[in-house]
């Protein structure tokens, strides 16, 4: 019997501010979706390569990475690595991606380079999760042009609301100019502390403005997140019963529920 044809949903995990658990969210969402039976590709779009190391992949110096696909039209099969985790493959990153900004400027169709890399991969996966750079750079714009939606991890602090407005304005520009299908997937509150009135006030403001776009699941601040990354393991493998592990599992379940709900509408 022929296998059903896949048509991956491409989700860019983005926030121009660093330190908001963006990479932790990308890694654990991808790993948990794989654990649930979905075939997943995790694309590391950040030159720091935190997703790559966070999933336990150490690239040899001569190895090809996302950069080579973006700039040099490298064969995708030579870049994608099968991880040791269920249903999860990775397109790793390297420091060479730092030079992509300048090189992209010299390409005529510069905003479509990532789309040309990702589009042929849709038939092979259920979900393609992209960890974007912590900036609104040309690489980030490329990844937004290639995505179906943007998932925004953010802290519940007032200065984060200003950055959120800037990111959403960028999404609107990308939608208007290059990718009419792009939408905000949702907002995930990270490093959340229920004891802080400020966190609760910002949460209330976000829910009042964005409604169901703000996930019910909230992610607490936890040392387990950085520990699991240093060991190159998703949280469900590193510390199965930790509070943050259960939160990310609940988030993946909520994420999938949203997909099902959207499909049925």
C-alpha atoms as a PDB file:
ATOM      1  CA  UNK A   1       0.000   0.000   0.000  1.00  0.00           C
ATOM      2  CA  UNK A   2       1.390   3.428  -0.951  1.00  0.00           C
ATOM      3  CA  UNK A   3       2.331   5.749   1.886  1.00  0.00           C
ATOM      4  CA  UNK A   4       0.244   8.894   2.282  1.00  0.00           C
ATOM      5  CA  UNK A   5       1.890  11.950   0.801  1.00  0.00           C
ATOM      6  CA  UNK A   6       3.132  14.345   3.438  1.00  0.00           C
ATOM      7  CA  UNK A   7       2.877  18.100   3.254  1.00  0.00           C
ATOM      8  CA  UNK A   8       4.881  19.505   6.130  1.00  0.00           C
ATOM      9  CA  UNK A   9       3.785  22.541   8.038  1.00  0.00           C
ATOM     10  CA  UNK A  10       6.770  24.870   8.369  1.00  0.00           C
ATOM     11  CA  UNK A  11       6.917  26.708  11.696  1.00  0.00           C
ATOM     12  CA  UNK A  12       9.537  29.394  12.361  1.00  0.00           C
ATOM     13  CA  UNK A  13      10.349  29.840  16.050  1.00  0.00           C
ATOM     14  CA  UNK A  14      11.351  33.487  16.258  1.00  0.00           C
ATOM     15  CA  UNK A  15      12.037  36.358  18.616  1.00  0.00           C
ATOM     16  CA  UNK A  16      14.591  39.063  17.901  1.00  0.00           C
ATOM     17  CA  UNK A  17      15.491  39.151  21.593  1.00  0.00           C
ATOM     18  CA  UNK A  18      17.887  36.472  22.812  1.00  0.00           C
ATOM     19  CA  UNK A  19      17.528  34.586  26.079  1.00  0.00           C
ATOM     20  CA  UNK A  20      13.788  33.903  25.853  1.00  0.00           C
ATOM     21  CA  UNK A  21      14.038  30.095  25.508  1.00  0.00           C
ATOM     22  CA  UNK A  22      13.629  30.265  21.725  1.00  0.00           C
ATOM     23  CA  UNK A  23      16.087  27.446  21.012  1.00  0.00           C
ATOM     24  CA  UNK A  24      14.874  25.392  23.987  1.00  0.00           C
ATOM     25  CA  UNK A  25      11.350  25.706  22.588  1.00  0.00           C
ATOM     26  CA  UNK A  26      12.387  24.747  19.045  1.00  0.00           C
ATOM     27  CA  UNK A  27      14.349  21.696  20.224  1.00  0.00           C
ATOM     28  CA  UNK A  28      11.728  20.398  22.624  1.00  0.00           C
ATOM     29  CA  UNK A  29       8.744  21.068  20.381  1.00  0.00           C
ATOM     30  CA  UNK A  30      10.480  19.197  17.540  1.00  0.00           C
ATOM     31  CA  UNK A  31      11.535  16.321  19.819  1.00  0.00           C
ATOM     32  CA  UNK A  32       8.108  16.018  21.439  1.00  0.00           C
ATOM     33  CA  UNK A  33       6.345  16.063  18.066  1.00  0.00           C
ATOM     34  CA  UNK A  34       8.672  13.258  16.954  1.00  0.00           C
ATOM     35  CA  UNK A  35       7.946  11.359  20.172  1.00  0.00           C
ATOM     36  CA  UNK A  36       4.211  11.672  19.420  1.00  0.00           C
ATOM     37  CA  UNK A  37       4.690   9.931  16.058  1.00  0.00           C
ATOM     38  CA  UNK A  38       5.139  12.886  13.698  1.00  0.00           C
ATOM     39  CA  UNK A  39       8.051  12.920  11.281  1.00  0.00           C
ATOM     40  CA  UNK A  40       9.982  16.111  12.031  1.00  0.00           C
ATOM     41  CA  UNK A  41      12.876  18.098  10.585  1.00  0.00           C
ATOM     42  CA  UNK A  42      14.539  20.642  12.873  1.00  0.00           C
ATOM     43  CA  UNK A  43      16.383  23.358  10.940  1.00  0.00           C
ATOM     44  CA  UNK A  44      19.048  25.247  12.859  1.00  0.00           C
ATOM     45  CA  UNK A  45      18.975  28.716  11.325  1.00  0.00           C
ATOM     46  CA  UNK A  46      21.190  30.345  13.956  1.00  0.00           C
ATOM     47  CA  UNK A  47      24.942  30.679  13.404  1.00  0.00           C
ATOM     48  CA  UNK A  48      25.520  29.844  17.096  1.00  0.00           C
ATOM     49  CA  UNK A  49      24.378  26.295  16.335  1.00  0.00           C
ATOM     50  CA  UNK A  50      22.653  25.867  19.690  1.00  0.00           C
ATOM     51  CA  UNK A  51      19.940  23.642  18.217  1.00  0.00           C
ATOM     52  CA  UNK A  52      22.587  21.447  16.623  1.00  0.00           C
ATOM     53  CA  UNK A  53      24.542  20.929  19.845  1.00  0.00           C
ATOM     54  CA  UNK A  54      21.334  20.882  21.892  1.00  0.00           C
ATOM     55  CA  UNK A  55      20.205  17.750  20.092  1.00  0.00           C
ATOM     56  CA  UNK A  56      23.617  16.102  20.519  1.00  0.00           C
ATOM     57  CA  UNK A  57      25.110  16.615  17.064  1.00  0.00           C
ATOM     58  CA  UNK A  58      28.790  17.528  16.770  1.00  0.00           C
ATOM     59  CA  UNK A  59      29.701  18.545  13.209  1.00  0.00           C
ATOM     60  CA  UNK A  60      33.154  17.766  11.826  1.00  0.00           C
ATOM     61  CA  UNK A  61      34.903  20.870  10.448  1.00  0.00           C
ATOM     62  CA  UNK A  62      34.412  19.821   6.832  1.00  0.00           C
ATOM     63  CA  UNK A  63      30.723  18.949   7.276  1.00  0.00           C
ATOM     64  CA  UNK A  64      28.069  20.748   5.258  1.00  0.00           C
ATOM     65  CA  UNK A  65      25.391  22.748   7.063  1.00  0.00           C
ATOM     66  CA  UNK A  66      22.310  24.914   6.485  1.00  0.00           C
ATOM     67  CA  UNK A  67      24.644  27.662   5.285  1.00  0.00           C
ATOM     68  CA  UNK A  68      25.825  25.535   2.344  1.00  0.00           C
ATOM     69  CA  UNK A  69      22.223  24.811   1.305  1.00  0.00           C
ATOM     70  CA  UNK A  70      21.300  28.481   1.582  1.00  0.00           C
ATOM     71  CA  UNK A  71      24.256  29.910  -0.341  1.00  0.00           C
ATOM     72  CA  UNK A  72      25.835  27.105  -2.359  1.00  0.00           C
ATOM     73  CA  UNK A  73      22.870  24.967  -3.461  1.00  0.00           C
ATOM     74  CA  UNK A  74      24.333  21.905  -1.690  1.00  0.00           C
ATOM     75  CA  UNK A  75      22.529  18.562  -1.951  1.00  0.00           C
ATOM     76  CA  UNK A  76      20.078  18.368   0.963  1.00  0.00           C
ATOM     77  CA  UNK A  77      20.838  14.685   1.541  1.00  0.00           C
ATOM     78  CA  UNK A  78      24.456  15.633   2.286  1.00  0.00           C
ATOM     79  CA  UNK A  79      23.380  17.996   5.061  1.00  0.00           C
ATOM     80  CA  UNK A  80      20.425  16.473   6.938  1.00  0.00           C
ATOM     81  CA  UNK A  81      21.416  14.325   9.918  1.00  0.00           C
ATOM     82  CA  UNK A  82      19.218  11.659  11.493  1.00  0.00           C
ATOM     83  CA  UNK A  83      19.241  12.209  15.251  1.00  0.00           C
ATOM     84  CA  UNK A  84      19.108   9.445  17.837  1.00  0.00           C
ATOM     85  CA  UNK A  85      15.662  10.648  18.897  1.00  0.00           C
ATOM     86  CA  UNK A  86      12.426   9.233  17.534  1.00  0.00           C
ATOM     87  CA  UNK A  87      11.335  10.593  14.126  1.00  0.00           C
ATOM     88  CA  UNK A  88      13.662  13.603  14.416  1.00  0.00           C
ATOM     89  CA  UNK A  89      16.136  14.746  11.759  1.00  0.00           C
ATOM     90  CA  UNK A  90      18.251  17.889  11.895  1.00  0.00           C
ATOM     91  CA  UNK A  91      19.646  20.316   9.338  1.00  0.00           C
ATOM     92  CA  UNK A  92      22.567  21.613  11.404  1.00  0.00           C
ATOM     93  CA  UNK A  93      24.099  25.075  11.493  1.00  0.00           C
ATOM     94  CA  UNK A  94      27.681  26.322  11.658  1.00  0.00           C
ATOM     95  CA  UNK A  95      29.536  29.574  12.277  1.00  0.00           C
ATOM     96  CA  UNK A  96      29.800  30.039   8.502  1.00  0.00           C
ATOM     97  CA  UNK A  97      26.195  31.217   8.575  1.00  0.00           C
ATOM     98  CA  UNK A  98      27.528  34.500  10.023  1.00  0.00           C
ATOM     99  CA  UNK A  99      28.729  35.432   6.534  1.00  0.00           C
ATOM    100  CA  UNK A 100      25.406  34.669   4.883  1.00  0.00           C
ATOM    101  CA  UNK A 101      24.065  38.194   5.480  1.00  0.00           C
ATOM    102  CA  UNK A 102      26.636  39.728   3.140  1.00  0.00           C
ATOM    103  CA  UNK A 103      26.438  36.927   0.581  1.00  0.00           C
ATOM    104  CA  UNK A 104      22.644  37.062   0.428  1.00  0.00           C
ATOM    105  CA  UNK A 105      22.819  40.767  -0.416  1.00  0.00           C
ATOM    106  CA  UNK A 106      24.582  39.868  -3.665  1.00  0.00           C
ATOM    107  CA  UNK A 107      21.856  37.425  -4.757  1.00  0.00           C
ATOM    108  CA  UNK A 108      19.090  38.876  -6.921  1.00  0.00           C
ATOM    109  CA  UNK A 109      16.300  36.732  -5.466  1.00  0.00           C
ATOM    110  CA  UNK A 110      17.761  37.100  -1.966  1.00  0.00           C
ATOM    111  CA  UNK A 111      14.525  36.681   0.010  1.00  0.00           C
ATOM    112  CA  UNK A 112      13.643  33.322  -1.579  1.00  0.00           C
ATOM    113  CA  UNK A 113      16.871  31.394  -0.870  1.00  0.00           C
ATOM    114  CA  UNK A 114      15.597  29.584   2.231  1.00  0.00           C
ATOM    115  CA  UNK A 115      12.277  28.855   0.536  1.00  0.00           C
ATOM    116  CA  UNK A 116      14.130  27.098  -2.293  1.00  0.00           C
ATOM    117  CA  UNK A 117      15.878  24.921   0.314  1.00  0.00           C
ATOM    118  CA  UNK A 118      12.790  24.095   2.354  1.00  0.00           C
ATOM    119  CA  UNK A 119      10.053  23.673  -0.265  1.00  0.00           C
ATOM    120  CA  UNK A 120      11.389  20.326  -1.665  1.00  0.00           C
ATOM    121  CA  UNK A 121      11.479  18.925   1.887  1.00  0.00           C
ATOM    122  CA  UNK A 122       7.768  19.345   2.580  1.00  0.00           C
ATOM    123  CA  UNK A 123       6.855  15.959   1.112  1.00  0.00           C
ATOM    124  CA  UNK A 124       9.209  14.144   3.495  1.00  0.00           C
ATOM    125  CA  UNK A 125       7.998  15.448   6.863  1.00  0.00           C
ATOM    126  CA  UNK A 126       4.889  16.263   8.887  1.00  0.00           C
ATOM    127  CA  UNK A 127       6.494  19.297  10.521  1.00  0.00           C
ATOM    128  CA  UNK A 128       9.545  21.414   9.794  1.00  0.00           C
ATOM    129  CA  UNK A 129      10.551  23.463  12.836  1.00  0.00           C
ATOM    130  CA  UNK A 130      13.023  26.313  12.294  1.00  0.00           C
ATOM    131  CA  UNK A 131      15.109  27.942  15.005  1.00  0.00           C
ATOM    132  CA  UNK A 132      15.586  31.504  13.707  1.00  0.00           C
ATOM    133  CA  UNK A 133      18.454  33.845  14.660  1.00  0.00           C
ATOM    134  CA  UNK A 134      17.771  36.202  17.609  1.00  0.00           C
ATOM    135  CA  UNK A 135      17.540  39.230  15.308  1.00  0.00           C
ATOM    136  CA  UNK A 136      15.425  40.564  12.456  1.00  0.00           C
ATOM    137  CA  UNK A 137      18.218  39.881   9.962  1.00  0.00           C
ATOM    138  CA  UNK A 138      18.171  38.956   6.283  1.00  0.00           C
ATOM    139  CA  UNK A 139      18.543  35.301   7.278  1.00  0.00           C
ATOM    140  CA  UNK A 140      15.513  35.633   9.581  1.00  0.00           C
ATOM    141  CA  UNK A 141      13.486  37.299   6.803  1.00  0.00           C
ATOM    142  CA  UNK A 142      14.456  34.423   4.494  1.00  0.00           C
ATOM    143  CA  UNK A 143      13.186  31.896   7.016  1.00  0.00           C
ATOM    144  CA  UNK A 144       9.924  33.796   7.524  1.00  0.00           C
ATOM    145  CA  UNK A 145       9.385  33.852   3.750  1.00  0.00           C
ATOM    146  CA  UNK A 146       9.774  30.055   3.766  1.00  0.00           C
ATOM    147  CA  UNK A 147       7.464  29.450   6.752  1.00  0.00           C
ATOM    148  CA  UNK A 148       3.727  28.908   7.089  1.00  0.00           C
ATOM    149  CA  UNK A 149       3.600  30.362  10.581  1.00  0.00           C
ATOM    150  CA  UNK A 150       5.628  32.007  13.335  1.00  0.00           C
ATOM    151  CA  UNK A 151       5.753  30.696  16.881  1.00  0.00           C
ATOM    152  CA  UNK A 152       6.871  33.395  19.326  1.00  0.00           C
ATOM    153  CA  UNK A 153       8.335  32.395  22.701  1.00  0.00           C
ATOM    154  CA  UNK A 154       8.430  35.405  24.995  1.00  0.00           C
ATOM    155  CA  UNK A 155       8.854  36.439  28.587  1.00  0.00           C
ATOM    156  CA  UNK A 156       5.956  38.100  30.424  1.00  0.00           C
ATOM    157  CA  UNK A 157       7.717  41.435  30.916  1.00  0.00           C
ATOM    158  CA  UNK A 158       6.723  44.871  29.615  1.00  0.00           C
ATOM    159  CA  UNK A 159       9.873  45.498  27.580  1.00  0.00           C
ATOM    160  CA  UNK A 160       9.127  42.244  25.760  1.00  0.00           C
ATOM    161  CA  UNK A 161       5.839  43.734  24.524  1.00  0.00           C
ATOM    162  CA  UNK A 162       7.757  46.357  22.530  1.00  0.00           C
ATOM    163  CA  UNK A 163       9.828  43.664  20.848  1.00  0.00           C
ATOM    164  CA  UNK A 164       6.663  41.680  20.168  1.00  0.00           C
ATOM    165  CA  UNK A 165       5.130  44.624  18.307  1.00  0.00           C
ATOM    166  CA  UNK A 166       8.276  44.952  16.170  1.00  0.00           C
ATOM    167  CA  UNK A 167       8.245  41.243  15.322  1.00  0.00           C
ATOM    168  CA  UNK A 168       4.540  41.226  14.453  1.00  0.00           C
ATOM    169  CA  UNK A 169       5.060  44.307  12.265  1.00  0.00           C
ATOM    170  CA  UNK A 170       7.822  42.385  10.473  1.00  0.00           C
ATOM    171  CA  UNK A 171       5.515  39.394   9.988  1.00  0.00           C
ATOM    172  CA  UNK A 172       2.953  41.750   8.413  1.00  0.00           C
ATOM    173  CA  UNK A 173       5.580  43.138   6.018  1.00  0.00           C
ATOM    174  CA  UNK A 174       6.722  39.634   5.013  1.00  0.00           C
ATOM    175  CA  UNK A 175       3.091  38.608   4.519  1.00  0.00           C
ATOM    176  CA  UNK A 176       2.428  41.664   2.351  1.00  0.00           C
ATOM    177  CA  UNK A 177       5.574  41.496   0.212  1.00  0.00           C
ATOM    178  CA  UNK A 178       6.757  37.892  -0.062  1.00  0.00           C
ATOM    179  CA  UNK A 179       4.611  35.295   1.701  1.00  0.00           C
ATOM    180  CA  UNK A 180       0.860  35.870   1.813  1.00  0.00           C
ATOM    181  CA  UNK A 181       0.357  32.572   3.704  1.00  0.00           C
ATOM    182  CA  UNK A 182       2.407  33.598   6.739  1.00  0.00           C
ATOM    183  CA  UNK A 183       0.528  33.846  10.030  1.00  0.00           C
ATOM    184  CA  UNK A 184       1.306  33.994  13.740  1.00  0.00           C
ATOM    185  CA  UNK A 185       1.074  30.419  15.021  1.00  0.00           C
ATOM    186  CA  UNK A 186       0.920  31.471  18.644  1.00  0.00           C
ATOM    187  CA  UNK A 187       2.618  33.098  21.614  1.00  0.00           C
ATOM    188  CA  UNK A 188       4.264  30.906  24.240  1.00  0.00           C
ATOM    189  CA  UNK A 189       5.002  32.427  27.635  1.00  0.00           C
ATOM    190  CA  UNK A 190       8.430  31.265  28.824  1.00  0.00           C
ATOM    191  CA  UNK A 191      10.453  31.678  32.025  1.00  0.00           C
ATOM    192  CA  UNK A 192       7.119  32.362  33.693  1.00  0.00           C
ATOM    193  CA  UNK A 193       6.806  32.855  37.443  1.00  0.00           C
ATOM    194  CA  UNK A 194       3.264  32.697  38.859  1.00  0.00           C
ATOM    195  CA  UNK A 195       4.461  34.450  42.012  1.00  0.00           C
ATOM    196  CA  UNK A 196       5.272  37.680  40.179  1.00  0.00           C
ATOM    197  CA  UNK A 197       2.424  40.159  39.712  1.00  0.00           C
ATOM    198  CA  UNK A 198       4.225  41.664  36.704  1.00  0.00           C
ATOM    199  CA  UNK A 199       4.223  38.303  34.908  1.00  0.00           C
ATOM    200  CA  UNK A 200       0.516  37.856  35.600  1.00  0.00           C
ATOM    201  CA  UNK A 201      -0.316  41.404  34.470  1.00  0.00           C
ATOM    202  CA  UNK A 202       1.535  40.986  31.173  1.00  0.00           C
ATOM    203  CA  UNK A 203      -0.149  37.609  30.654  1.00  0.00           C
ATOM    204  CA  UNK A 204      -3.568  39.206  31.149  1.00  0.00           C
ATOM    205  CA  UNK A 205      -2.713  41.956  28.670  1.00  0.00           C
ATOM    206  CA  UNK A 206      -1.526  39.452  26.057  1.00  0.00           C
ATOM    207  CA  UNK A 207      -4.600  37.253  26.440  1.00  0.00           C
ATOM    208  CA  UNK A 208      -6.889  40.286  26.212  1.00  0.00           C
ATOM    209  CA  UNK A 209      -5.223  41.387  22.968  1.00  0.00           C
ATOM    210  CA  UNK A 210      -4.347  38.064  21.262  1.00  0.00           C
ATOM    211  CA  UNK A 211      -6.951  35.710  22.734  1.00  0.00           C
ATOM    212  CA  UNK A 212      -6.456  32.061  21.786  1.00  0.00           C
ATOM    213  CA  UNK A 213      -3.185  32.868  20.053  1.00  0.00           C
ATOM    214  CA  UNK A 214      -1.613  32.795  23.523  1.00  0.00           C
ATOM    215  CA  UNK A 215      -1.107  29.173  24.542  1.00  0.00           C
ATOM    216  CA  UNK A 216      -2.668  28.018  27.796  1.00  0.00           C
ATOM    217  CA  UNK A 217       0.547  26.183  28.612  1.00  0.00           C
ATOM    218  CA  UNK A 218       3.237  28.325  30.249  1.00  0.00           C
ATOM    219  CA  UNK A 219       6.893  27.377  30.599  1.00  0.00           C
ATOM    220  CA  UNK A 220       8.610  28.002  33.929  1.00  0.00           C
ATOM    221  CA  UNK A 221      12.204  29.076  34.408  1.00  0.00           C
ATOM    222  CA  UNK A 222      14.321  25.988  35.116  1.00  0.00           C
ATOM    223  CA  UNK A 223      17.993  25.028  35.273  1.00  0.00           C
ATOM    224  CA  UNK A 224      16.973  21.702  33.699  1.00  0.00           C
ATOM    225  CA  UNK A 225      16.631  23.459  30.327  1.00  0.00           C
ATOM    226  CA  UNK A 226      20.271  24.554  30.150  1.00  0.00           C
ATOM    227  CA  UNK A 227      21.438  21.272  31.674  1.00  0.00           C
ATOM    228  CA  UNK A 228      19.634  19.208  29.040  1.00  0.00           C
ATOM    229  CA  UNK A 229      21.106  21.375  26.259  1.00  0.00           C
ATOM    230  CA  UNK A 230      24.628  20.911  27.604  1.00  0.00           C
ATOM    231  CA  UNK A 231      24.103  17.136  27.479  1.00  0.00           C
ATOM    232  CA  UNK A 232      22.666  17.346  23.956  1.00  0.00           C
ATOM    233  CA  UNK A 233      19.331  15.871  24.976  1.00  0.00           C
ATOM    234  CA  UNK A 234      15.697  16.999  24.749  1.00  0.00           C
ATOM    235  CA  UNK A 235      14.078  17.400  28.143  1.00  0.00           C
ATOM    236  CA  UNK A 236      11.929  14.271  27.876  1.00  0.00           C
ATOM    237  CA  UNK A 237      15.123  12.191  27.751  1.00  0.00           C
ATOM    238  CA  UNK A 238      17.171  14.201  30.231  1.00  0.00           C
ATOM    239  CA  UNK A 239      14.681  14.579  33.088  1.00  0.00           C
ATOM    240  CA  UNK A 240      11.372  12.846  32.430  1.00  0.00           C
ATOM    241  CA  UNK A 241       9.543  13.990  35.554  1.00  0.00           C
ATOM    242  CA  UNK A 242      10.828  17.579  35.780  1.00  0.00           C
ATOM    243  CA  UNK A 243       8.182  20.297  35.820  1.00  0.00           C
ATOM    244  CA  UNK A 244       9.557  21.955  32.684  1.00  0.00           C
ATOM    245  CA  UNK A 245       9.621  18.600  30.846  1.00  0.00           C
ATOM    246  CA  UNK A 246       5.927  18.070  31.586  1.00  0.00           C
ATOM    247  CA  UNK A 247       5.198  21.659  30.515  1.00  0.00           C
ATOM    248  CA  UNK A 248       6.878  21.194  27.135  1.00  0.00           C
ATOM    249  CA  UNK A 249       5.039  17.894  26.638  1.00  0.00           C
ATOM    250  CA  UNK A 250       1.770  19.683  27.449  1.00  0.00           C
ATOM    251  CA  UNK A 251       2.708  22.453  25.025  1.00  0.00           C
ATOM    252  CA  UNK A 252       3.357  19.970  22.195  1.00  0.00           C
ATOM    253  CA  UNK A 253      -0.028  18.386  22.883  1.00  0.00           C
ATOM    254  CA  UNK A 254      -1.707  21.813  22.824  1.00  0.00           C
ATOM    255  CA  UNK A 255       0.181  22.709  19.629  1.00  0.00           C
ATOM    256  CA  UNK A 256      -1.126  19.558  17.918  1.00  0.00           C
ATOM    257  CA  UNK A 257      -4.644  20.257  19.164  1.00  0.00           C
ATOM    258  CA  UNK A 258      -4.457  23.684  17.512  1.00  0.00           C
ATOM    259  CA  UNK A 259      -3.350  22.042  14.244  1.00  0.00           C
ATOM    260  CA  UNK A 260      -6.293  19.655  14.329  1.00  0.00           C
ATOM    261  CA  UNK A 261      -8.700  22.459  15.178  1.00  0.00           C
ATOM    262  CA  UNK A 262      -7.378  24.641  12.327  1.00  0.00           C
ATOM    263  CA  UNK A 263      -7.629  21.759   9.849  1.00  0.00           C
ATOM    264  CA  UNK A 264     -11.241  21.081  10.788  1.00  0.00           C
ATOM    265  CA  UNK A 265     -12.321  24.722  10.483  1.00  0.00           C
END
